[in-house]
Amino acid sequence: MLKIIMKQQEKWLLNQEEGGDVIDQLILAVMIVLAVIVNLEESKYEKEEGRKKQKRLWD
C-alpha cells in the first residue's frame, strides 16, 4: 500500500514541477498524510507482532 502511494506521489511531484495546479497540490498533501498514517499503523502492527512473538518465546 505504501509503495503505491509513494509512486503516485512521485507522479504528482513531477506534474507539479511542470506547473501543477492547486488541486494537484491538495491531492499530494492528502497522499502524504495517508502515507504517514499507513506507515505509523504498519509500524504499530509490527511492534505488536514482535511483542506477541517475544511473549511466546518466554512462555
C-alpha atoms as a PDB file:
ATOM      1  CA  MET A   1       0.000   0.000   0.000  1.00  0.00           C
ATOM      2  CA  LEU A   2       2.766   2.411   0.969  1.00  0.00           C
ATOM      3  CA  LYS A   3       4.678   1.703  -2.254  1.00  0.00           C
ATOM      4  CA  ILE A   4       1.594   2.531  -4.353  1.00  0.00           C
ATOM      5  CA  ILE A   5       1.142   5.825  -2.507  1.00  0.00           C
ATOM      6  CA  MET A   6       4.819   6.712  -2.924  1.00  0.00           C
ATOM      7  CA  LYS A   7       4.724   6.049  -6.693  1.00  0.00           C
ATOM      8  CA  GLN A   8       1.621   8.225  -7.038  1.00  0.00           C
ATOM      9  CA  GLN A   9       3.339  10.984  -5.068  1.00  0.00           C
ATOM     10  CA  GLU A  10       6.295  10.880  -7.467  1.00  0.00           C
ATOM     11  CA  LYS A  11       3.934  11.286 -10.440  1.00  0.00           C
ATOM     12  CA  TRP A  12       2.238  14.282  -8.825  1.00  0.00           C
ATOM     13  CA  LEU A  13       5.573  15.840  -7.865  1.00  0.00           C
ATOM     14  CA  LEU A  14       6.738  15.609 -11.480  1.00  0.00           C
ATOM     15  CA  ASN A  15       3.440  17.117 -12.634  1.00  0.00           C
ATOM     16  CA  GLN A  16       3.779  19.886 -10.071  1.00  0.00           C
ATOM     17  CA  GLU A  17       7.263  20.781 -11.364  1.00  0.00           C
ATOM     18  CA  GLU A  18       5.710  21.224 -14.798  1.00  0.00           C
ATOM     19  CA  GLY A  19       3.192  23.705 -13.363  1.00  0.00           C
ATOM     20  CA  GLY A  20       0.596  21.674 -11.442  1.00  0.00           C
ATOM     21  CA  ASP A  21      -2.448  23.459 -10.097  1.00  0.00           C
ATOM     22  CA  VAL A  22      -3.947  23.797  -6.615  1.00  0.00           C
ATOM     23  CA  ILE A  23      -5.943  20.564  -6.925  1.00  0.00           C
ATOM     24  CA  ASP A  24      -2.743  18.600  -7.553  1.00  0.00           C
ATOM     25  CA  GLN A  25      -1.132  20.217  -4.517  1.00  0.00           C
ATOM     26  CA  LEU A  26      -4.106  19.295  -2.340  1.00  0.00           C
ATOM     27  CA  ILE A  27      -4.077  15.719  -3.620  1.00  0.00           C
ATOM     28  CA  LEU A  28      -0.345  15.497  -2.939  1.00  0.00           C
ATOM     29  CA  ALA A  29      -0.848  16.776   0.622  1.00  0.00           C
ATOM     30  CA  VAL A  30      -3.603  14.208   1.255  1.00  0.00           C
ATOM     31  CA  MET A  31      -1.443  11.422  -0.172  1.00  0.00           C
ATOM     32  CA  ILE A  32       1.464  12.403   2.088  1.00  0.00           C
ATOM     33  CA  VAL A  33      -0.804  12.378   5.152  1.00  0.00           C
ATOM     34  CA  LEU A  34      -2.175   8.973   4.144  1.00  0.00           C
ATOM     35  CA  ALA A  35       1.348   7.627   3.650  1.00  0.00           C
ATOM     36  CA  VAL A  36       2.338   8.781   7.140  1.00  0.00           C
ATOM     37  CA  ILE A  37      -0.786   7.235   8.697  1.00  0.00           C
ATOM     38  CA  VAL A  38      -0.260   3.938   6.850  1.00  0.00           C
ATOM     39  CA  ASN A  39       3.383   3.882   7.879  1.00  0.00           C
ATOM     40  CA  LEU A  40       2.511   4.508  11.542  1.00  0.00           C
ATOM     41  CA  GLU A  41      -0.158   1.781  11.500  1.00  0.00           C
ATOM     42  CA  GLU A  42       2.243  -0.694   9.886  1.00  0.00           C
ATOM     43  CA  SER A  43       4.959   0.010  12.446  1.00  0.00           C
ATOM     44  CA  LYS A  44       2.418  -0.297  15.280  1.00  0.00           C
ATOM     45  CA  TYR A  45       1.262  -3.642  13.879  1.00  0.00           C
ATOM     46  CA  GLU A  46       4.864  -4.856  13.542  1.00  0.00           C
ATOM     47  CA  LYS A  47       5.599  -3.869  17.157  1.00  0.00           C
ATOM     48  CA  GLU A  48       2.542  -5.772  18.397  1.00  0.00           C
ATOM     49  CA  GLU A  49       3.516  -8.844  16.360  1.00  0.00           C
ATOM     50  CA  GLY A  50       7.052  -8.624  17.740  1.00  0.00           C
ATOM     51  CA  ARG A  51       5.738  -8.485  21.306  1.00  0.00           C
ATOM     52  CA  LYS A  52       3.484 -11.485  20.688  1.00  0.00           C
ATOM     53  CA  LYS A  53       6.408 -13.493  19.300  1.00  0.00           C
ATOM     54  CA  GLN A  54       8.636 -12.478  22.200  1.00  0.00           C
ATOM     55  CA  LYS A  55       5.914 -13.364  24.705  1.00  0.00           C
ATOM     56  CA  ARG A  56       5.521 -16.806  23.088  1.00  0.00           C
ATOM     57  CA  LEU A  57       9.272 -17.377  23.414  1.00  0.00           C
ATOM     58  CA  TRP A  58       9.180 -16.605  27.128  1.00  0.00           C
ATOM     59  CA  ASP A  59       6.130 -18.796  27.795  1.00  0.00           C
END
